[in-house]
Amino acid sequence: MQPIPPGPACQSCLMPMSSDRNGGGTESDGTTRSIEYCSNCYRNGMFTEPDITVDEMISKVQARLFAAGVPEPVVERNLMAVYGLDRWRD
């Protein structure tokens, strides 16, 4: 099991930006890297799943963390953090 890396996280899915193999999503010019969103969530200045709900994102995050072998208490703590991410704030 790998610990969740510290540092900035995607403001849509909570993935550590240091884990993004592409170095972050891209802004509308297609080359400038986003410092807020990962490449799974954001490309060319748009969300890859613009209609996904916060609850659907939480399900995806949960599945990804469990698949990575993250213990349930850590998963649950991280899932609650998704609600506070920039994308999901009202």
PDB file of N, CA and C in Angstrom:
ATOM      1  N   MET A   1       0.838  -1.173   0.000  1.00  0.00           N
ATOM      2  CA  MET A   1       0.000   0.000   0.000  1.00  0.00           C
ATOM      3  C   MET A   1       0.884   1.237   0.000  1.00  0.00           C
ATOM      4  N   GLN A   2       0.570   2.174  -0.867  1.00  0.00           N
ATOM      5  CA  GLN A   2       1.278   3.446  -0.946  1.00  0.00           C
ATOM      6  C   GLN A   2       0.547   4.477  -0.103  1.00  0.00           C
ATOM      7  N   PRO A   3       1.285   5.284   0.685  1.00  0.00           N
ATOM      8  CA  PRO A   3       0.600   6.377   1.383  1.00  0.00           C
ATOM      9  C   PRO A   3       0.180   7.436   0.385  1.00  0.00           C
ATOM     10  N   ILE A   4      -0.831   8.209   0.749  1.00  0.00           N
ATOM     11  CA  ILE A   4      -1.281   9.293  -0.115  1.00  0.00           C
ATOM     12  C   ILE A   4      -0.236  10.396  -0.036  1.00  0.00           C
ATOM     13  N   PRO A   5       0.352  10.782  -1.177  1.00  0.00           N
ATOM     14  CA  PRO A   5       1.419  11.789  -1.159  1.00  0.00           C
ATOM     15  C   PRO A   5       0.916  13.137  -0.658  1.00  0.00           C
ATOM     16  N   PRO A   6       1.760  13.826   0.097  1.00  0.00           N
ATOM     17  CA  PRO A   6       1.374  15.162   0.546  1.00  0.00           C
ATOM     18  C   PRO A   6       1.499  16.163  -0.594  1.00  0.00           C
ATOM     19  N   GLY A   7       1.009  17.343  -0.354  1.00  0.00           N
ATOM     20  CA  GLY A   7       1.158  18.404  -1.343  1.00  0.00           C
ATOM     21  C   GLY A   7      -0.153  18.766  -1.991  1.00  0.00           C
ATOM     22  N   PRO A   8      -0.087  19.639  -2.988  1.00  0.00           N
ATOM     23  CA  PRO A   8      -1.315  20.091  -3.658  1.00  0.00           C
ATOM     24  C   PRO A   8      -2.086  18.927  -4.272  1.00  0.00           C
ATOM     25  N   ALA A   9      -3.393  19.061  -4.265  1.00  0.00           N
ATOM     26  CA  ALA A   9      -4.258  18.021  -4.816  1.00  0.00           C
ATOM     27  C   ALA A   9      -5.199  18.643  -5.834  1.00  0.00           C
ATOM     28  N   CYS A  10      -5.653  17.824  -6.772  1.00  0.00           N
ATOM     29  CA  CYS A  10      -6.629  18.267  -7.755  1.00  0.00           C
ATOM     30  C   CYS A  10      -7.863  18.777  -7.029  1.00  0.00           C
ATOM     31  N   GLN A  11      -8.346  19.920  -7.439  1.00  0.00           N
ATOM     32  CA  GLN A  11      -9.493  20.549  -6.806  1.00  0.00           C
ATOM     33  C   GLN A  11     -10.822  20.036  -7.366  1.00  0.00           C
ATOM     34  N   SER A  12     -10.758  18.882  -8.028  1.00  0.00           N
ATOM     35  CA  SER A  12     -11.956  18.211  -8.503  1.00  0.00           C
ATOM     36  C   SER A  12     -12.051  16.804  -7.920  1.00  0.00           C
ATOM     37  N   CYS A  13     -10.926  16.059  -7.926  1.00  0.00           N
ATOM     38  CA  CYS A  13     -10.963  14.654  -7.511  1.00  0.00           C
ATOM     39  C   CYS A  13     -10.059  14.323  -6.333  1.00  0.00           C
ATOM     40  N   LEU A  14      -9.264  15.263  -5.872  1.00  0.00           N
ATOM     41  CA  LEU A  14      -8.370  15.106  -4.731  1.00  0.00           C
ATOM     42  C   LEU A  14      -7.094  14.327  -5.053  1.00  0.00           C
ATOM     43  N   MET A  15      -6.875  13.961  -6.312  1.00  0.00           N
ATOM     44  CA  MET A  15      -5.651  13.252  -6.649  1.00  0.00           C
ATOM     45  C   MET A  15      -4.452  14.170  -6.377  1.00  0.00           C
ATOM     46  N   PRO A  16      -3.414  13.658  -5.713  1.00  0.00           N
ATOM     47  CA  PRO A  16      -2.222  14.475  -5.526  1.00  0.00           C
ATOM     48  C   PRO A  16      -1.651  14.899  -6.880  1.00  0.00           C
ATOM     49  N   MET A  17      -1.399  16.169  -7.036  1.00  0.00           N
ATOM     50  CA  MET A  17      -0.867  16.649  -8.314  1.00  0.00           C
ATOM     51  C   MET A  17       0.484  16.002  -8.620  1.00  0.00           C
ATOM     52  N   SER A  18       1.226  15.642  -7.575  1.00  0.00           N
ATOM     53  CA  SER A  18       2.517  14.979  -7.785  1.00  0.00           C
ATOM     54  C   SER A  18       2.357  13.587  -8.394  1.00  0.00           C
ATOM     55  N   SER A  19       1.157  13.028  -8.330  1.00  0.00           N
ATOM     56  CA  SER A  19       0.892  11.709  -8.917  1.00  0.00           C
ATOM     57  C   SER A  19       0.419  11.786 -10.367  1.00  0.00           C
ATOM     58  N   ASP A  20       0.139  12.973 -10.850  1.00  0.00           N
ATOM     59  CA  ASP A  20      -0.351  13.139 -12.221  1.00  0.00           C
ATOM     60  C   ASP A  20       0.811  12.996 -13.194  1.00  0.00           C
ATOM     61  N   ARG A  21       0.811  11.943 -13.951  1.00  0.00           N
ATOM     62  CA  ARG A  21       1.906  11.675 -14.901  1.00  0.00           C
ATOM     63  C   ARG A  21       2.050  12.755 -15.960  1.00  0.00           C
ATOM     64  N   ASN A  22       0.963  13.493 -16.199  1.00  0.00           N
ATOM     65  CA  ASN A  22       1.004  14.557 -17.198  1.00  0.00           C
ATOM     66  C   ASN A  22       1.341  15.919 -16.601  1.00  0.00           C
ATOM     67  N   GLY A  23       1.498  15.978 -15.292  1.00  0.00           N
ATOM     68  CA  GLY A  23       1.866  17.233 -14.647  1.00  0.00           C
ATOM     69  C   GLY A  23       0.715  18.198 -14.465  1.00  0.00           C
ATOM     70  N   GLY A  24      -0.512  17.718 -14.580  1.00  0.00           N
ATOM     71  CA  GLY A  24      -1.699  18.560 -14.421  1.00  0.00           C
ATOM     72  C   GLY A  24      -2.499  18.627 -15.700  1.00  0.00           C
ATOM     73  N   GLY A  25      -3.703  19.116 -15.583  1.00  0.00           N
ATOM     74  CA  GLY A  25      -4.550  19.313 -16.762  1.00  0.00           C
ATOM     75  C   GLY A  25      -4.017  20.464 -17.587  1.00  0.00           C
ATOM     76  N   THR A  26      -4.674  20.750 -18.691  1.00  0.00           N
ATOM     77  CA  THR A  26      -4.236  21.845 -19.557  1.00  0.00           C
ATOM     78  C   THR A  26      -5.288  22.927 -19.634  1.00  0.00           C
ATOM     79  N   GLU A  27      -4.802  24.150 -19.750  1.00  0.00           N
ATOM     80  CA  GLU A  27      -5.700  25.293 -19.909  1.00  0.00           C
ATOM     81  C   GLU A  27      -6.169  25.351 -21.365  1.00  0.00           C
ATOM     82  N   SER A  28      -6.946  26.363 -21.712  1.00  0.00           N
ATOM     83  CA  SER A  28      -7.598  26.416 -23.021  1.00  0.00           C
ATOM     84  C   SER A  28      -6.633  26.429 -24.196  1.00  0.00           C
ATOM     85  N   ASP A  29      -5.388  26.861 -23.990  1.00  0.00           N
ATOM     86  CA  ASP A  29      -4.411  26.845 -25.090  1.00  0.00           C
ATOM     87  C   ASP A  29      -3.859  25.449 -25.358  1.00  0.00           C
ATOM     88  N   GLY A  30      -4.192  24.487 -24.484  1.00  0.00           N
ATOM     89  CA  GLY A  30      -3.773  23.100 -24.681  1.00  0.00           C
ATOM     90  C   GLY A  30      -2.366  22.786 -24.210  1.00  0.00           C
ATOM     91  N   THR A  31      -1.596  23.778 -23.822  1.00  0.00           N
ATOM     92  CA  THR A  31      -0.226  23.518 -23.393  1.00  0.00           C
ATOM     93  C   THR A  31       0.073  24.009 -21.982  1.00  0.00           C
ATOM     94  N   THR A  32      -0.542  25.091 -21.567  1.00  0.00           N
ATOM     95  CA  THR A  32      -0.301  25.616 -20.227  1.00  0.00           C
ATOM     96  C   THR A  32      -0.914  24.664 -19.207  1.00  0.00           C
ATOM     97  N   ARG A  33      -0.126  24.246 -18.236  1.00  0.00           N
ATOM     98  CA  ARG A  33      -0.589  23.301 -17.226  1.00  0.00           C
ATOM     99  C   ARG A  33      -1.421  23.992 -16.159  1.00  0.00           C
ATOM    100  N   SER A  34      -2.485  23.341 -15.787  1.00  0.00           N
ATOM    101  CA  SER A  34      -3.329  23.820 -14.696  1.00  0.00           C
ATOM    102  C   SER A  34      -2.634  23.513 -13.381  1.00  0.00           C
ATOM    103  N   ILE A  35      -2.664  24.450 -12.471  1.00  0.00           N
ATOM    104  CA  ILE A  35      -2.105  24.192 -11.152  1.00  0.00           C
ATOM    105  C   ILE A  35      -3.193  23.753 -10.174  1.00  0.00           C
ATOM    106  N   GLU A  36      -4.450  23.741 -10.628  1.00  0.00           N
ATOM    107  CA  GLU A  36      -5.566  23.367  -9.766  1.00  0.00           C
ATOM    108  C   GLU A  36      -6.170  21.998 -10.074  1.00  0.00           C
ATOM    109  N   TYR A  37      -6.109  21.581 -11.331  1.00  0.00           N
ATOM    110  CA  TYR A  37      -6.820  20.367 -11.728  1.00  0.00           C
ATOM    111  C   TYR A  37      -5.907  19.381 -12.444  1.00  0.00           C
ATOM    112  N   CYS A  38      -6.115  18.093 -12.181  1.00  0.00           N
ATOM    113  CA  CYS A  38      -5.306  17.040 -12.806  1.00  0.00           C
ATOM    114  C   CYS A  38      -5.743  16.804 -14.258  1.00  0.00           C
ATOM    115  N   SER A  39      -4.918  16.053 -14.958  1.00  0.00           N
ATOM    116  CA  SER A  39      -5.197  15.779 -16.370  1.00  0.00           C
ATOM    117  C   SER A  39      -6.375  14.823 -16.562  1.00  0.00           C
ATOM    118  N   ASN A  40      -6.757  14.098 -15.529  1.00  0.00           N
ATOM    119  CA  ASN A  40      -7.936  13.235 -15.636  1.00  0.00           C
ATOM    120  C   ASN A  40      -9.224  14.049 -15.612  1.00  0.00           C
ATOM    121  N   CYS A  41      -9.180  15.180 -14.918  1.00  0.00           N
ATOM    122  CA  CYS A  41     -10.393  15.987 -14.714  1.00  0.00           C
ATOM    123  C   CYS A  41     -10.495  17.189 -15.640  1.00  0.00           C
ATOM    124  N   TYR A  42      -9.380  17.647 -16.178  1.00  0.00           N
ATOM    125  CA  TYR A  42      -9.381  18.950 -16.856  1.00  0.00           C
ATOM    126  C   TYR A  42      -8.447  18.934 -18.062  1.00  0.00           C
ATOM    127  N   ARG A  43      -8.992  19.236 -19.229  1.00  0.00           N
ATOM    128  CA  ARG A  43      -8.188  19.291 -20.459  1.00  0.00           C
ATOM    129  C   ARG A  43      -8.686  20.428 -21.336  1.00  0.00           C
ATOM    130  N   ASN A  44      -7.733  21.149 -21.912  1.00  0.00           N
ATOM    131  CA  ASN A  44      -8.068  22.249 -22.821  1.00  0.00           C
ATOM    132  C   ASN A  44      -9.039  23.253 -22.206  1.00  0.00           C
ATOM    133  N   GLY A  45      -8.842  23.518 -20.904  1.00  0.00           N
ATOM    134  CA  GLY A  45      -9.641  24.528 -20.229  1.00  0.00           C
ATOM    135  C   GLY A  45     -11.053  24.103 -19.870  1.00  0.00           C
ATOM    136  N   MET A  46     -11.347  22.801 -19.975  1.00  0.00           N
ATOM    137  CA  MET A  46     -12.698  22.313 -19.667  1.00  0.00           C
ATOM    138  C   MET A  46     -12.609  21.035 -18.840  1.00  0.00           C
ATOM    139  N   PHE A  47     -13.631  20.815 -18.016  1.00  0.00           N
ATOM    140  CA  PHE A  47     -13.685  19.561 -17.275  1.00  0.00           C
ATOM    141  C   PHE A  47     -13.984  18.420 -18.237  1.00  0.00           C
ATOM    142  N   THR A  48     -13.333  17.290 -18.021  1.00  0.00           N
ATOM    143  CA  THR A  48     -13.540  16.131 -18.890  1.00  0.00           C
ATOM    144  C   THR A  48     -14.922  15.511 -18.677  1.00  0.00           C
ATOM    145  N   GLU A  49     -15.479  15.701 -17.499  1.00  0.00           N
ATOM    146  CA  GLU A  49     -16.834  15.240 -17.192  1.00  0.00           C
ATOM    147  C   GLU A  49     -17.609  16.429 -16.622  1.00  0.00           C
ATOM    148  N   PRO A  50     -18.060  17.313 -17.479  1.00  0.00           N
ATOM    149  CA  PRO A  50     -18.688  18.543 -16.989  1.00  0.00           C
ATOM    150  C   PRO A  50     -19.986  18.323 -16.218  1.00  0.00           C
ATOM    151  N   ASP A  51     -20.652  17.215 -16.439  1.00  0.00           N
ATOM    152  CA  ASP A  51     -21.945  16.974 -15.802  1.00  0.00           C
ATOM    153  C   ASP A  51     -21.878  16.038 -14.593  1.00  0.00           C
ATOM    154  N   ILE A  52     -20.681  15.610 -14.221  1.00  0.00           N
ATOM    155  CA  ILE A  52     -20.557  14.713 -13.077  1.00  0.00           C
ATOM    156  C   ILE A  52     -20.951  15.467 -11.809  1.00  0.00           C
ATOM    157  N   THR A  53     -21.602  14.769 -10.905  1.00  0.00           N
ATOM    158  CA  THR A  53     -21.990  15.380  -9.634  1.00  0.00           C
ATOM    159  C   THR A  53     -20.903  15.094  -8.599  1.00  0.00           C
ATOM    160  N   VAL A  54     -20.934  15.825  -7.504  1.00  0.00           N
ATOM    161  CA  VAL A  54     -19.962  15.591  -6.445  1.00  0.00           C
ATOM    162  C   VAL A  54     -20.103  14.170  -5.899  1.00  0.00           C
ATOM    163  N   ASP A  55     -21.318  13.673  -5.782  1.00  0.00           N
ATOM    164  CA  ASP A  55     -21.508  12.308  -5.274  1.00  0.00           C
ATOM    165  C   ASP A  55     -20.960  11.260  -6.242  1.00  0.00           C
ATOM    166  N   GLU A  56     -21.110  11.495  -7.531  1.00  0.00           N
ATOM    167  CA  GLU A  56     -20.520  10.578  -8.522  1.00  0.00           C
ATOM    168  C   GLU A  56     -18.997  10.636  -8.450  1.00  0.00           C
ATOM    169  N   MET A  57     -18.445  11.824  -8.250  1.00  0.00           N
ATOM    170  CA  MET A  57     -16.990  11.945  -8.126  1.00  0.00           C
ATOM    171  C   MET A  57     -16.509  11.215  -6.878  1.00  0.00           C
ATOM    172  N   ILE A  58     -17.244  11.339  -5.799  1.00  0.00           N
ATOM    173  CA  ILE A  58     -16.869  10.650  -4.562  1.00  0.00           C
ATOM    174  C   ILE A  58     -16.848   9.139  -4.775  1.00  0.00           C
ATOM    175  N   SER A  59     -17.795   8.604  -5.512  1.00  0.00           N
ATOM    176  CA  SER A  59     -17.807   7.166  -5.817  1.00  0.00           C
ATOM    177  C   SER A  59     -16.573   6.766  -6.607  1.00  0.00           C
ATOM    178  N   LYS A  60     -16.186   7.600  -7.571  1.00  0.00           N
ATOM    179  CA  LYS A  60     -14.988   7.306  -8.367  1.00  0.00           C
ATOM    180  C   LYS A  60     -13.735   7.351  -7.502  1.00  0.00           C
ATOM    181  N   VAL A  61     -13.644   8.357  -6.653  1.00  0.00           N
ATOM    182  CA  VAL A  61     -12.483   8.490  -5.769  1.00  0.00           C
ATOM    183  C   VAL A  61     -12.412   7.299  -4.817  1.00  0.00           C
ATOM    184  N   GLN A  62     -13.542   6.926  -4.254  1.00  0.00           N
ATOM    185  CA  GLN A  62     -13.586   5.796  -3.340  1.00  0.00           C
ATOM    186  C   GLN A  62     -13.079   4.521  -4.012  1.00  0.00           C
ATOM    187  N   ALA A  63     -13.562   4.248  -5.205  1.00  0.00           N
ATOM    188  CA  ALA A  63     -13.135   3.048  -5.932  1.00  0.00           C
ATOM    189  C   ALA A  63     -11.635   3.080  -6.212  1.00  0.00           C
ATOM    190  N   ARG A  64     -11.139   4.239  -6.599  1.00  0.00           N
ATOM    191  CA  ARG A  64      -9.711   4.366  -6.909  1.00  0.00           C
ATOM    192  C   ARG A  64      -8.851   4.148  -5.662  1.00  0.00           C
ATOM    193  N   LEU A  65      -9.266   4.711  -4.525  1.00  0.00           N
ATOM    194  CA  LEU A  65      -8.498   4.552  -3.291  1.00  0.00           C
ATOM    195  C   LEU A  65      -8.524   3.113  -2.795  1.00  0.00           C
ATOM    196  N   PHE A  66      -9.698   2.473  -2.844  1.00  0.00           N
ATOM    197  CA  PHE A  66      -9.780   1.070  -2.426  1.00  0.00           C
ATOM    198  C   PHE A  66      -8.928   0.187  -3.336  1.00  0.00           C
ATOM    199  N   ALA A  67      -8.935   0.453  -4.635  1.00  0.00           N
ATOM    200  CA  ALA A  67      -8.130  -0.328  -5.578  1.00  0.00           C
ATOM    201  C   ALA A  67      -6.638  -0.168  -5.301  1.00  0.00           C
ATOM    202  N   ALA A  68      -6.260   0.978  -4.757  1.00  0.00           N
ATOM    203  CA  ALA A  68      -4.854   1.228  -4.433  1.00  0.00           C
ATOM    204  C   ALA A  68      -4.466   0.648  -3.074  1.00  0.00           C
ATOM    205  N   GLY A  69      -5.441   0.048  -2.383  1.00  0.00           N
ATOM    206  CA  GLY A  69      -5.154  -0.577  -1.099  1.00  0.00           C
ATOM    207  C   GLY A  69      -5.127   0.376   0.079  1.00  0.00           C
ATOM    208  N   VAL A  70      -5.734   1.533  -0.087  1.00  0.00           N
ATOM    209  CA  VAL A  70      -5.785   2.507   1.005  1.00  0.00           C
ATOM    210  C   VAL A  70      -6.781   1.998   2.047  1.00  0.00           C
ATOM    211  N   PRO A  71      -6.412   2.020   3.332  1.00  0.00           N
ATOM    212  CA  PRO A  71      -7.320   1.529   4.379  1.00  0.00           C
ATOM    213  C   PRO A  71      -8.620   2.341   4.456  1.00  0.00           C
ATOM    214  N   GLU A  72      -9.688   1.668   4.841  1.00  0.00           N
ATOM    215  CA  GLU A  72     -11.014   2.287   4.862  1.00  0.00           C
ATOM    216  C   GLU A  72     -11.081   3.596   5.666  1.00  0.00           C
ATOM    217  N   PRO A  73     -10.474   3.672   6.869  1.00  0.00           N
ATOM    218  CA  PRO A  73     -10.562   4.946   7.602  1.00  0.00           C
ATOM    219  C   PRO A  73      -9.924   6.112   6.841  1.00  0.00           C
ATOM    220  N   VAL A  74      -8.852   5.842   6.135  1.00  0.00           N
ATOM    221  CA  VAL A  74      -8.191   6.887   5.343  1.00  0.00           C
ATOM    222  C   VAL A  74      -9.063   7.252   4.155  1.00  0.00           C
ATOM    223  N   VAL A  75      -9.669   6.262   3.530  1.00  0.00           N
ATOM    224  CA  VAL A  75     -10.573   6.510   2.404  1.00  0.00           C
ATOM    225  C   VAL A  75     -11.721   7.406   2.860  1.00  0.00           C
ATOM    226  N   GLU A  76     -12.347   7.065   3.963  1.00  0.00           N
ATOM    227  CA  GLU A  76     -13.490   7.834   4.445  1.00  0.00           C
ATOM    228  C   GLU A  76     -13.107   9.280   4.756  1.00  0.00           C
ATOM    229  N   ARG A  77     -11.961   9.479   5.375  1.00  0.00           N
ATOM    230  CA  ARG A  77     -11.489  10.835   5.675  1.00  0.00           C
ATOM    231  C   ARG A  77     -11.273  11.629   4.391  1.00  0.00           C
ATOM    232  N   ASN A  78     -10.710  10.996   3.384  1.00  0.00           N
ATOM    233  CA  ASN A  78     -10.466  11.672   2.114  1.00  0.00           C
ATOM    234  C   ASN A  78     -11.758  11.957   1.358  1.00  0.00           C
ATOM    235  N   LEU A  79     -12.723  11.087   1.445  1.00  0.00           N
ATOM    236  CA  LEU A  79     -13.985  11.307   0.744  1.00  0.00           C
ATOM    237  C   LEU A  79     -14.685  12.562   1.252  1.00  0.00           C
ATOM    238  N   MET A  80     -14.646  12.792   2.543  1.00  0.00           N
ATOM    239  CA  MET A  80     -15.275  13.989   3.098  1.00  0.00           C
ATOM    240  C   MET A  80     -14.565  15.252   2.610  1.00  0.00           C
ATOM    241  N   ALA A  81     -13.287  15.159   2.322  1.00  0.00           N
ATOM    242  CA  ALA A  81     -12.516  16.312   1.845  1.00  0.00           C
ATOM    243  C   ALA A  81     -12.950  16.742   0.447  1.00  0.00           C
ATOM    244  N   VAL A  82     -13.504  15.826  -0.343  1.00  0.00           N
ATOM    245  CA  VAL A  82     -13.922  16.157  -1.704  1.00  0.00           C
ATOM    246  C   VAL A  82     -14.951  17.287  -1.695  1.00  0.00           C
ATOM    247  N   TYR A  83     -15.854  17.271  -0.724  1.00  0.00           N
ATOM    248  CA  TYR A  83     -16.889  18.321  -0.662  1.00  0.00           C
ATOM    249  C   TYR A  83     -16.293  19.720  -0.555  1.00  0.00           C
ATOM    250  N   GLY A  84     -15.117  19.850   0.027  1.00  0.00           N
ATOM    251  CA  GLY A  84     -14.492  21.155   0.215  1.00  0.00           C
ATOM    252  C   GLY A  84     -13.614  21.624  -0.934  1.00  0.00           C
ATOM    253  N   LEU A  85     -13.482  20.811  -1.974  1.00  0.00           N
ATOM    254  CA  LEU A  85     -12.634  21.193  -3.111  1.00  0.00           C
ATOM    255  C   LEU A  85     -13.278  22.323  -3.907  1.00  0.00           C
ATOM    256  N   ASP A  86     -12.437  23.131  -4.536  1.00  0.00           N
ATOM    257  CA  ASP A  86     -12.914  24.307  -5.264  1.00  0.00           C
ATOM    258  C   ASP A  86     -14.050  24.010  -6.245  1.00  0.00           C
ATOM    259  N   ARG A  87     -13.945  22.913  -6.965  1.00  0.00           N
ATOM    260  CA  ARG A  87     -14.969  22.608  -7.978  1.00  0.00           C
ATOM    261  C   ARG A  87     -16.348  22.420  -7.351  1.00  0.00           C
ATOM    262  N   TRP A  88     -16.412  21.946  -6.137  1.00  0.00           N
ATOM    263  CA  TRP A  88     -17.687  21.548  -5.546  1.00  0.00           C
ATOM    264  C   TRP A  88     -18.231  22.548  -4.540  1.00  0.00           C
ATOM    265  N   ARG A  89     -17.505  23.601  -4.305  1.00  0.00           N
ATOM    266  CA  ARG A  89     -18.008  24.621  -3.373  1.00  0.00           C
ATOM    267  C   ARG A  89     -19.138  25.401  -4.029  1.00  0.00           C
ATOM    268  N   ASP A  90     -20.141  25.717  -3.262  1.00  0.00           N
ATOM    269  CA  ASP A  90     -21.280  26.499  -3.778  1.00  0.00           C
ATOM    270  C   ASP A  90     -21.085  27.961  -3.495  1.00  0.00           C
TER     271      ASP A  90
END
